[in-house]
Amino acid sequence: MKWKYLYHGWLIELIPLPQGYVFKCWMPDEQIGISNYHVYPQICDAIRAARKRVQLESTSLSLMRFLDESYKNHYLSSKEHLALVSSVFDFTISANKPKI
């Protein structure tokens, strides 16, 4: 049986497998699901990882929106905008890797 609950506006889905649990986080429109597809041995580990992922993705999306607005309002050059967006993207990717 899958468990579902809301966390900061995101739907977190916990999926039981024979080896443990995986999570999938859905954005508020429930059209984009995000997961690292790592199997966690305990449900509490999967919940903790899912919450971290929601916090990280929410922060990343907010920063991207802020950078886009700053660029559109001419507070950033295109070079600065690209460098900052790339930095946020790279950090989000590296921070999402499960710690083994």
PDB file of N, CA and C in Angstrom:
ATOM      1  N   MET A   1       0.829  -1.181   0.000  1.00  0.00           N
ATOM      2  CA  MET A   1       0.000   0.000   0.000  1.00  0.00           C
ATOM      3  C   MET A   1       0.878   1.251   0.000  1.00  0.00           C
ATOM      4  N   LYS A   2       0.556   2.203  -0.858  1.00  0.00           N
ATOM      5  CA  LYS A   2       1.293   3.461  -0.920  1.00  0.00           C
ATOM      6  C   LYS A   2       0.773   4.413   0.150  1.00  0.00           C
ATOM      7  N   TRP A   3       1.687   5.202   0.711  1.00  0.00           N
ATOM      8  CA  TRP A   3       1.305   6.246   1.648  1.00  0.00           C
ATOM      9  C   TRP A   3       1.474   7.575   0.934  1.00  0.00           C
ATOM     10  N   LYS A   4       0.519   8.478   1.133  1.00  0.00           N
ATOM     11  CA  LYS A   4       0.582   9.802   0.520  1.00  0.00           C
ATOM     12  C   LYS A   4       0.257  10.847   1.577  1.00  0.00           C
ATOM     13  N   TYR A   5       1.015  11.949   1.551  1.00  0.00           N
ATOM     14  CA  TYR A   5       0.685  13.075   2.417  1.00  0.00           C
ATOM     15  C   TYR A   5       1.296  14.343   1.847  1.00  0.00           C
ATOM     16  N   LEU A   6       0.779  15.488   2.288  1.00  0.00           N
ATOM     17  CA  LEU A   6       1.257  16.783   1.811  1.00  0.00           C
ATOM     18  C   LEU A   6       2.359  17.308   2.712  1.00  0.00           C
ATOM     19  N   TYR A   7       3.346  17.929   2.083  1.00  0.00           N
ATOM     20  CA  TYR A   7       4.445  18.557   2.811  1.00  0.00           C
ATOM     21  C   TYR A   7       4.832  19.816   2.050  1.00  0.00           C
ATOM     22  N   HIS A   8       4.656  20.967   2.659  1.00  0.00           N
ATOM     23  CA  HIS A   8       4.939  22.265   2.022  1.00  0.00           C
ATOM     24  C   HIS A   8       4.273  22.387   0.652  1.00  0.00           C
ATOM     25  N   GLY A   9       3.068  21.869   0.533  1.00  0.00           N
ATOM     26  CA  GLY A   9       2.322  21.973  -0.715  1.00  0.00           C
ATOM     27  C   GLY A   9       2.627  20.887  -1.736  1.00  0.00           C
ATOM     28  N   TRP A  10       3.627  20.067  -1.482  1.00  0.00           N
ATOM     29  CA  TRP A  10       3.976  18.971  -2.379  1.00  0.00           C
ATOM     30  C   TRP A  10       3.316  17.695  -1.866  1.00  0.00           C
ATOM     31  N   LEU A  11       2.945  16.832  -2.782  1.00  0.00           N
ATOM     32  CA  LEU A  11       2.427  15.519  -2.406  1.00  0.00           C
ATOM     33  C   LEU A  11       3.603  14.550  -2.358  1.00  0.00           C
ATOM     34  N   ILE A  12       3.814  13.937  -1.207  1.00  0.00           N
ATOM     35  CA  ILE A  12       4.866  12.928  -1.061  1.00  0.00           C
ATOM     36  C   ILE A  12       4.196  11.563  -1.071  1.00  0.00           C
ATOM     37  N   GLU A  13       4.699  10.718  -1.936  1.00  0.00           N
ATOM     38  CA  GLU A  13       4.184   9.356  -2.067  1.00  0.00           C
ATOM     39  C   GLU A  13       5.295   8.400  -1.633  1.00  0.00           C
ATOM     40  N   LEU A  14       4.999   7.537  -0.690  1.00  0.00           N
ATOM     41  CA  LEU A  14       5.954   6.525  -0.226  1.00  0.00           C
ATOM     42  C   LEU A  14       5.493   5.175  -0.753  1.00  0.00           C
ATOM     43  N   ILE A  15       6.396   4.516  -1.462  1.00  0.00           N
ATOM     44  CA  ILE A  15       6.049   3.271  -2.148  1.00  0.00           C
ATOM     45  C   ILE A  15       6.822   2.118  -1.515  1.00  0.00           C
ATOM     46  N   PRO A  16       6.114   1.160  -0.906  1.00  0.00           N
ATOM     47  CA  PRO A  16       6.806   0.022  -0.303  1.00  0.00           C
ATOM     48  C   PRO A  16       7.271  -0.969  -1.370  1.00  0.00           C
ATOM     49  N   LEU A  17       8.468  -1.465  -1.175  1.00  0.00           N
ATOM     50  CA  LEU A  17       9.057  -2.507  -2.022  1.00  0.00           C
ATOM     51  C   LEU A  17       9.543  -3.622  -1.104  1.00  0.00           C
ATOM     52  N   PRO A  18       9.848  -4.793  -1.636  1.00  0.00           N
ATOM     53  CA  PRO A  18      10.364  -5.866  -0.774  1.00  0.00           C
ATOM     54  C   PRO A  18      11.637  -5.467  -0.013  1.00  0.00           C
ATOM     55  N   GLN A  19      12.474  -4.600  -0.617  1.00  0.00           N
ATOM     56  CA  GLN A  19      13.741  -4.208   0.010  1.00  0.00           C
ATOM     57  C   GLN A  19      13.628  -2.975   0.906  1.00  0.00           C
ATOM     58  N   GLY A  20      12.511  -2.272   0.857  1.00  0.00           N
ATOM     59  CA  GLY A  20      12.362  -1.044   1.649  1.00  0.00           C
ATOM     60  C   GLY A  20      11.334  -0.115   1.022  1.00  0.00           C
ATOM     61  N   TYR A  21      11.680   1.171   0.953  1.00  0.00           N
ATOM     62  CA  TYR A  21      10.744   2.185   0.469  1.00  0.00           C
ATOM     63  C   TYR A  21      11.435   3.146  -0.494  1.00  0.00           C
ATOM     64  N   VAL A  22      10.697   3.594  -1.487  1.00  0.00           N
ATOM     65  CA  VAL A  22      11.137   4.687  -2.349  1.00  0.00           C
ATOM     66  C   VAL A  22      10.104   5.802  -2.204  1.00  0.00           C
ATOM     67  N   PHE A  23      10.518   7.008  -2.568  1.00  0.00           N
ATOM     68  CA  PHE A  23       9.585   8.125  -2.510  1.00  0.00           C
ATOM     69  C   PHE A  23       9.438   8.749  -3.888  1.00  0.00           C
ATOM     70  N   LYS A  24       8.343   9.433  -4.054  1.00  0.00           N
ATOM     71  CA  LYS A  24       8.123  10.269  -5.226  1.00  0.00           C
ATOM     72  C   LYS A  24       7.435  11.528  -4.725  1.00  0.00           C
ATOM     73  N   CYS A  25       7.993  12.668  -5.074  1.00  0.00           N
ATOM     74  CA  CYS A  25       7.443  13.958  -4.674  1.00  0.00           C
ATOM     75  C   CYS A  25       6.787  14.592  -5.888  1.00  0.00           C
ATOM     76  N   TRP A  26       5.551  15.006  -5.712  1.00  0.00           N
ATOM     77  CA  TRP A  26       4.789  15.610  -6.798  1.00  0.00           C
ATOM     78  C   TRP A  26       4.610  17.091  -6.528  1.00  0.00           C
ATOM     79  N   MET A  27       4.887  17.899  -7.570  1.00  0.00           N
ATOM     80  CA  MET A  27       4.644  19.332  -7.466  1.00  0.00           C
ATOM     81  C   MET A  27       3.143  19.550  -7.280  1.00  0.00           C
ATOM     82  N   PRO A  28       2.753  20.743  -6.827  1.00  0.00           N
ATOM     83  CA  PRO A  28       1.335  20.980  -6.540  1.00  0.00           C
ATOM     84  C   PRO A  28       0.364  20.624  -7.673  1.00  0.00           C
ATOM     85  N   ASP A  29       0.776  20.740  -8.922  1.00  0.00           N
ATOM     86  CA  ASP A  29      -0.133  20.396 -10.022  1.00  0.00           C
ATOM     87  C   ASP A  29      -0.168  18.894 -10.296  1.00  0.00           C
ATOM     88  N   GLU A  30       0.673  18.138  -9.611  1.00  0.00           N
ATOM     89  CA  GLU A  30       0.762  16.675  -9.703  1.00  0.00           C
ATOM     90  C   GLU A  30       1.040  16.165 -11.118  1.00  0.00           C
ATOM     91  N   GLN A  31       1.715  16.979 -11.924  1.00  0.00           N
ATOM     92  CA  GLN A  31       2.079  16.536 -13.267  1.00  0.00           C
ATOM     93  C   GLN A  31       3.555  16.170 -13.367  1.00  0.00           C
ATOM     94  N   ILE A  32       4.359  16.686 -12.444  1.00  0.00           N
ATOM     95  CA  ILE A  32       5.788  16.387 -12.456  1.00  0.00           C
ATOM     96  C   ILE A  32       6.141  15.702 -11.144  1.00  0.00           C
ATOM     97  N   GLY A  33       6.647  14.480 -11.243  1.00  0.00           N
ATOM     98  CA  GLY A  33       7.074  13.727 -10.074  1.00  0.00           C
ATOM     99  C   GLY A  33       8.591  13.662 -10.022  1.00  0.00           C
ATOM    100  N   ILE A  34       9.142  13.782  -8.819  1.00  0.00           N
ATOM    101  CA  ILE A  34      10.591  13.800  -8.639  1.00  0.00           C
ATOM    102  C   ILE A  34      10.970  12.719  -7.638  1.00  0.00           C
ATOM    103  N   SER A  35      12.000  11.948  -7.975  1.00  0.00           N
ATOM    104  CA  SER A  35      12.502  10.918  -7.072  1.00  0.00           C
ATOM    105  C   SER A  35      13.967  10.663  -7.384  1.00  0.00           C
ATOM    106  N   ASN A  36      14.700  10.145  -6.400  1.00  0.00           N
ATOM    107  CA  ASN A  36      16.071   9.712  -6.668  1.00  0.00           C
ATOM    108  C   ASN A  36      16.120   8.197  -6.893  1.00  0.00           C
ATOM    109  N   TYR A  37      14.986   7.536  -6.784  1.00  0.00           N
ATOM    110  CA  TYR A  37      14.827   6.091  -7.011  1.00  0.00           C
ATOM    111  C   TYR A  37      15.729   5.236  -6.132  1.00  0.00           C
ATOM    112  N   HIS A  38      16.176   5.801  -5.039  1.00  0.00           N
ATOM    113  CA  HIS A  38      16.975   5.056  -4.064  1.00  0.00           C
ATOM    114  C   HIS A  38      16.012   4.296  -3.145  1.00  0.00           C
ATOM    115  N   VAL A  39      16.349   3.071  -2.812  1.00  0.00           N
ATOM    116  CA  VAL A  39      15.518   2.277  -1.899  1.00  0.00           C
ATOM    117  C   VAL A  39      16.051   2.475  -0.481  1.00  0.00           C
ATOM    118  N   TYR A  40      15.181   2.966   0.390  1.00  0.00           N
ATOM    119  CA  TYR A  40      15.540   3.209   1.786  1.00  0.00           C
ATOM    120  C   TYR A  40      15.023   2.052   2.635  1.00  0.00           C
ATOM    121  N   PRO A  41      15.856   1.533   3.555  1.00  0.00           N
ATOM    122  CA  PRO A  41      15.453   0.355   4.329  1.00  0.00           C
ATOM    123  C   PRO A  41      14.279   0.622   5.276  1.00  0.00           C
ATOM    124  N   GLN A  42      14.195   1.815   5.818  1.00  0.00           N
ATOM    125  CA  GLN A  42      13.135   2.163   6.776  1.00  0.00           C
ATOM    126  C   GLN A  42      12.260   3.278   6.210  1.00  0.00           C
ATOM    127  N   ILE A  43      10.997   3.258   6.569  1.00  0.00           N
ATOM    128  CA  ILE A  43      10.078   4.292   6.087  1.00  0.00           C
ATOM    129  C   ILE A  43      10.501   5.678   6.572  1.00  0.00           C
ATOM    130  N   CYS A  44      11.038   5.762   7.787  1.00  0.00           N
ATOM    131  CA  CYS A  44      11.464   7.066   8.308  1.00  0.00           C
ATOM    132  C   CYS A  44      12.619   7.634   7.485  1.00  0.00           C
ATOM    133  N   ASP A  45      13.487   6.770   6.952  1.00  0.00           N
ATOM    134  CA  ASP A  45      14.578   7.230   6.087  1.00  0.00           C
ATOM    135  C   ASP A  45      14.033   7.780   4.774  1.00  0.00           C
ATOM    136  N   ALA A  46      13.033   7.109   4.220  1.00  0.00           N
ATOM    137  CA  ALA A  46      12.413   7.568   2.971  1.00  0.00           C
ATOM    138  C   ALA A  46      11.687   8.892   3.186  1.00  0.00           C
ATOM    139  N   ILE A  47      11.011   9.028   4.312  1.00  0.00           N
ATOM    140  CA  ILE A  47      10.317  10.286   4.628  1.00  0.00           C
ATOM    141  C   ILE A  47      11.318  11.426   4.758  1.00  0.00           C
ATOM    142  N   ARG A  48      12.388  11.190   5.486  1.00  0.00           N
ATOM    143  CA  ARG A  48      13.416  12.216   5.682  1.00  0.00           C
ATOM    144  C   ARG A  48      14.007  12.644   4.337  1.00  0.00           C
ATOM    145  N   ALA A  49      14.322  11.678   3.483  1.00  0.00           N
ATOM    146  CA  ALA A  49      14.888  11.984   2.166  1.00  0.00           C
ATOM    147  C   ALA A  49      13.884  12.738   1.294  1.00  0.00           C
ATOM    148  N   ALA A  50      12.622  12.350   1.353  1.00  0.00           N
ATOM    149  CA  ALA A  50      11.586  13.019   0.555  1.00  0.00           C
ATOM    150  C   ALA A  50      11.407  14.466   1.007  1.00  0.00           C
ATOM    151  N   ARG A  51      11.387  14.686   2.298  1.00  0.00           N
ATOM    152  CA  ARG A  51      11.245  16.056   2.810  1.00  0.00           C
ATOM    153  C   ARG A  51      12.434  16.919   2.400  1.00  0.00           C
ATOM    154  N   LYS A  52      13.624  16.349   2.489  1.00  0.00           N
ATOM    155  CA  LYS A  52      14.818  17.088   2.064  1.00  0.00           C
ATOM    156  C   LYS A  52      14.707  17.441   0.585  1.00  0.00           C
ATOM    157  N   ARG A  53      14.236  16.489  -0.211  1.00  0.00           N
ATOM    158  CA  ARG A  53      14.102  16.725  -1.655  1.00  0.00           C
ATOM    159  C   ARG A  53      13.100  17.838  -1.934  1.00  0.00           C
ATOM    160  N   VAL A  54      11.973  17.834  -1.224  1.00  0.00           N
ATOM    161  CA  VAL A  54      10.968  18.890  -1.389  1.00  0.00           C
ATOM    162  C   VAL A  54      11.567  20.249  -1.030  1.00  0.00           C
ATOM    163  N   GLN A  55      12.261  20.319   0.088  1.00  0.00           N
ATOM    164  CA  GLN A  55      12.864  21.583   0.506  1.00  0.00           C
ATOM    165  C   GLN A  55      13.882  22.071  -0.519  1.00  0.00           C
ATOM    166  N   LEU A  56      14.704  21.163  -1.000  1.00  0.00           N
ATOM    167  CA  LEU A  56      15.726  21.519  -1.974  1.00  0.00           C
ATOM    168  C   LEU A  56      15.119  21.969  -3.297  1.00  0.00           C
ATOM    169  N   GLU A  57      14.147  21.232  -3.799  1.00  0.00           N
ATOM    170  CA  GLU A  57      13.513  21.592  -5.073  1.00  0.00           C
ATOM    171  C   GLU A  57      12.741  22.902  -4.957  1.00  0.00           C
ATOM    172  N   SER A  58      12.047  23.107  -3.854  1.00  0.00           N
ATOM    173  CA  SER A  58      11.307  24.356  -3.656  1.00  0.00           C
ATOM    174  C   SER A  58      12.251  25.551  -3.617  1.00  0.00           C
ATOM    175  N   THR A  59      13.343  25.401  -2.898  1.00  0.00           N
ATOM    176  CA  THR A  59      14.331  26.474  -2.811  1.00  0.00           C
ATOM    177  C   THR A  59      14.959  26.739  -4.165  1.00  0.00           C
ATOM    178  N   SER A  60      15.311  25.688  -4.864  1.00  0.00           N
ATOM    179  CA  SER A  60      15.911  25.822  -6.192  1.00  0.00           C
ATOM    180  C   SER A  60      14.965  26.538  -7.155  1.00  0.00           C
ATOM    181  N   LEU A  61      13.697  26.141  -7.167  1.00  0.00           N
ATOM    182  CA  LEU A  61      12.721  26.790  -8.048  1.00  0.00           C
ATOM    183  C   LEU A  61      12.537  28.260  -7.690  1.00  0.00           C
ATOM    184  N   SER A  62      12.531  28.577  -6.409  1.00  0.00           N
ATOM    185  CA  SER A  62      12.409  29.976  -5.981  1.00  0.00           C
ATOM    186  C   SER A  62      13.614  30.794  -6.423  1.00  0.00           C
ATOM    187  N   LEU A  63      14.794  30.216  -6.255  1.00  0.00           N
ATOM    188  CA  LEU A  63      16.006  30.915  -6.698  1.00  0.00           C
ATOM    189  C   LEU A  63      16.010  31.129  -8.209  1.00  0.00           C
ATOM    190  N   MET A  64      15.584  30.128  -8.953  1.00  0.00           N
ATOM    191  CA  MET A  64      15.532  30.258 -10.418  1.00  0.00           C
ATOM    192  C   MET A  64      14.564  31.368 -10.828  1.00  0.00           C
ATOM    193  N   ARG A  65      13.407  31.418 -10.184  1.00  0.00           N
ATOM    194  CA  ARG A  65      12.439  32.492 -10.488  1.00  0.00           C
ATOM    195  C   ARG A  65      13.031  33.861 -10.161  1.00  0.00           C
ATOM    196  N   PHE A  66      13.708  33.957  -9.007  1.00  0.00           N
ATOM    197  CA  PHE A  66      14.337  35.211  -8.614  1.00  0.00           C
ATOM    198  C   PHE A  66      15.405  35.623  -9.630  1.00  0.00           C
ATOM    199  N   LEU A  67      16.233  34.680 -10.047  1.00  0.00           N
ATOM    200  CA  LEU A  67      17.282  34.990 -11.022  1.00  0.00           C
ATOM    201  C   LEU A  67      16.689  35.396 -12.364  1.00  0.00           C
ATOM    202  N   ASP A  68      15.629  34.720 -12.788  1.00  0.00           N
ATOM    203  CA  ASP A  68      14.971  35.084 -14.050  1.00  0.00           C
ATOM    204  C   ASP A  68      14.398  36.496 -13.982  1.00  0.00           C
ATOM    205  N   GLU A  69      13.743  36.826 -12.875  1.00  0.00           N
ATOM    206  CA  GLU A  69      13.193  38.182 -12.715  1.00  0.00           C
ATOM    207  C   GLU A  69      14.308  39.222 -12.672  1.00  0.00           C
ATOM    208  N   SER A  70      15.389  38.906 -11.978  1.00  0.00           N
ATOM    209  CA  SER A  70      16.521  39.833 -11.896  1.00  0.00           C
ATOM    210  C   SER A  70      17.124  40.078 -13.272  1.00  0.00           C
ATOM    211  N   TYR A  71      17.195  39.040 -14.070  1.00  0.00           N
ATOM    212  CA  TYR A  71      17.711  39.182 -15.437  1.00  0.00           C
ATOM    213  C   TYR A  71      16.749  40.013 -16.291  1.00  0.00           C
ATOM    214  N   LYS A  72      15.457  39.713 -16.214  1.00  0.00           N
ATOM    215  CA  LYS A  72      14.457  40.453 -17.001  1.00  0.00           C
ATOM    216  C   LYS A  72      14.423  41.932 -16.633  1.00  0.00           C
ATOM    217  N   ASN A  73      14.708  42.242 -15.365  1.00  0.00           N
ATOM    218  CA  ASN A  73      14.715  43.632 -14.901  1.00  0.00           C
ATOM    219  C   ASN A  73      16.087  44.284 -15.024  1.00  0.00           C
ATOM    220  N   HIS A  74      16.989  43.626 -15.723  1.00  0.00           N
ATOM    221  CA  HIS A  74      18.323  44.159 -16.046  1.00  0.00           C
ATOM    222  C   HIS A  74      19.232  44.346 -14.831  1.00  0.00           C
ATOM    223  N   TYR A  75      19.009  43.556 -13.791  1.00  0.00           N
ATOM    224  CA  TYR A  75      19.915  43.581 -12.649  1.00  0.00           C
ATOM    225  C   TYR A  75      21.082  42.615 -12.840  1.00  0.00           C
ATOM    226  N   LEU A  76      20.944  41.698 -13.780  1.00  0.00           N
ATOM    227  CA  LEU A  76      21.998  40.726 -14.091  1.00  0.00           C
ATOM    228  C   LEU A  76      22.252  40.729 -15.590  1.00  0.00           C
ATOM    229  N   SER A  77      23.511  40.562 -15.950  1.00  0.00           N
ATOM    230  CA  SER A  77      23.831  40.374 -17.366  1.00  0.00           C
ATOM    231  C   SER A  77      23.476  38.933 -17.741  1.00  0.00           C
ATOM    232  N   SER A  78      23.447  38.648 -19.024  1.00  0.00           N
ATOM    233  CA  SER A  78      23.128  37.272 -19.429  1.00  0.00           C
ATOM    234  C   SER A  78      24.214  36.309 -18.951  1.00  0.00           C
ATOM    235  N   LYS A  79      25.449  36.775 -18.927  1.00  0.00           N
ATOM    236  CA  LYS A  79      26.557  35.930 -18.455  1.00  0.00           C
ATOM    237  C   LYS A  79      26.404  35.631 -16.953  1.00  0.00           C
ATOM    238  N   GLU A  80      26.074  36.657 -16.171  1.00  0.00           N
ATOM    239  CA  GLU A  80      25.860  36.460 -14.734  1.00  0.00           C
ATOM    240  C   GLU A  80      24.664  35.533 -14.485  1.00  0.00           C
ATOM    241  N   HIS A  81      23.594  35.769 -15.220  1.00  0.00           N
ATOM    242  CA  HIS A  81      22.382  34.955 -15.080  1.00  0.00           C
ATOM    243  C   HIS A  81      22.687  33.490 -15.362  1.00  0.00           C
ATOM    244  N   LEU A  82      23.348  33.233 -16.467  1.00  0.00           N
ATOM    245  CA  LEU A  82      23.681  31.857 -16.845  1.00  0.00           C
ATOM    246  C   LEU A  82      24.578  31.195 -15.798  1.00  0.00           C
ATOM    247  N   ALA A  83      25.574  31.934 -15.312  1.00  0.00           N
ATOM    248  CA  ALA A  83      26.490  31.374 -14.312  1.00  0.00           C
ATOM    249  C   ALA A  83      25.750  31.029 -13.014  1.00  0.00           C
ATOM    250  N   LEU A  84      24.877  31.918 -12.569  1.00  0.00           N
ATOM    251  CA  LEU A  84      24.143  31.672 -11.326  1.00  0.00           C
ATOM    252  C   LEU A  84      23.129  30.543 -11.472  1.00  0.00           C
ATOM    253  N   VAL A  85      22.419  30.516 -12.589  1.00  0.00           N
ATOM    254  CA  VAL A  85      21.457  29.435 -12.830  1.00  0.00           C
ATOM    255  C   VAL A  85      22.184  28.094 -12.895  1.00  0.00           C
ATOM    256  N   SER A  86      23.315  28.064 -13.578  1.00  0.00           N
ATOM    257  CA  SER A  86      24.108  26.826 -13.669  1.00  0.00           C
ATOM    258  C   SER A  86      24.581  26.375 -12.295  1.00  0.00           C
ATOM    259  N   SER A  87      24.985  27.327 -11.475  1.00  0.00           N
ATOM    260  CA  SER A  87      25.452  27.005 -10.129  1.00  0.00           C
ATOM    261  C   SER A  87      24.326  26.405  -9.278  1.00  0.00           C
ATOM    262  N   VAL A  88      23.147  27.012  -9.332  1.00  0.00           N
ATOM    263  CA  VAL A  88      21.998  26.488  -8.583  1.00  0.00           C
ATOM    264  C   VAL A  88      21.646  25.091  -9.084  1.00  0.00           C
ATOM    265  N   PHE A  89      21.612  24.926 -10.399  1.00  0.00           N
ATOM    266  CA  PHE A  89      21.280  23.634 -10.992  1.00  0.00           C
ATOM    267  C   PHE A  89      22.297  22.565 -10.579  1.00  0.00           C
ATOM    268  N   ASP A  90      23.587  22.882 -10.686  1.00  0.00           N
ATOM    269  CA  ASP A  90      24.635  21.922 -10.322  1.00  0.00           C
ATOM    270  C   ASP A  90      24.550  21.528  -8.844  1.00  0.00           C
ATOM    271  N   PHE A  91      24.307  22.520  -7.981  1.00  0.00           N
ATOM    272  CA  PHE A  91      24.193  22.218  -6.558  1.00  0.00           C
ATOM    273  C   PHE A  91      22.992  21.313  -6.288  1.00  0.00           C
ATOM    274  N   THR A  92      21.868  21.617  -6.927  1.00  0.00           N
ATOM    275  CA  THR A  92      20.657  20.818  -6.723  1.00  0.00           C
ATOM    276  C   THR A  92      20.889  19.371  -7.136  1.00  0.00           C
ATOM    277  N   ILE A  93      21.549  19.174  -8.260  1.00  0.00           N
ATOM    278  CA  ILE A  93      21.858  17.815  -8.731  1.00  0.00           C
ATOM    279  C   ILE A  93      22.765  17.100  -7.733  1.00  0.00           C
ATOM    280  N   SER A  94      23.836  17.760  -7.295  1.00  0.00           N
ATOM    281  CA  SER A  94      24.786  17.093  -6.398  1.00  0.00           C
ATOM    282  C   SER A  94      24.179  16.845  -5.015  1.00  0.00           C
ATOM    283  N   ALA A  95      23.355  17.755  -4.535  1.00  0.00           N
ATOM    284  CA  ALA A  95      22.749  17.585  -3.208  1.00  0.00           C
ATOM    285  C   ALA A  95      21.670  16.510  -3.203  1.00  0.00           C
ATOM    286  N   ASN A  96      21.144  16.165  -4.359  1.00  0.00           N
ATOM    287  CA  ASN A  96      20.089  15.157  -4.446  1.00  0.00           C
ATOM    288  C   ASN A  96      20.615  13.732  -4.485  1.00  0.00           C
ATOM    289  N   LYS A  97      21.904  13.565  -4.607  1.00  0.00           N
ATOM    290  CA  LYS A  97      22.455  12.210  -4.642  1.00  0.00           C
ATOM    291  C   LYS A  97      22.359  11.591  -3.248  1.00  0.00           C
ATOM    292  N   PRO A  98      21.829  10.382  -3.156  1.00  0.00           N
ATOM    293  CA  PRO A  98      21.713   9.739  -1.831  1.00  0.00           C
ATOM    294  C   PRO A  98      23.086   9.509  -1.216  1.00  0.00           C
ATOM    295  N   LYS A  99      23.167   9.737   0.073  1.00  0.00           N
ATOM    296  CA  LYS A  99      24.414   9.483   0.810  1.00  0.00           C
ATOM    297  C   LYS A  99      24.411   8.017   1.231  1.00  0.00           C
ATOM    298  N   ILE A 100      25.392   7.285   0.759  1.00  0.00           N
ATOM    299  CA  ILE A 100      25.436   5.844   1.064  1.00  0.00           C
ATOM    300  C   ILE A 100      26.507   5.564   2.089  1.00  0.00           C
TER     301      ILE A 100
END
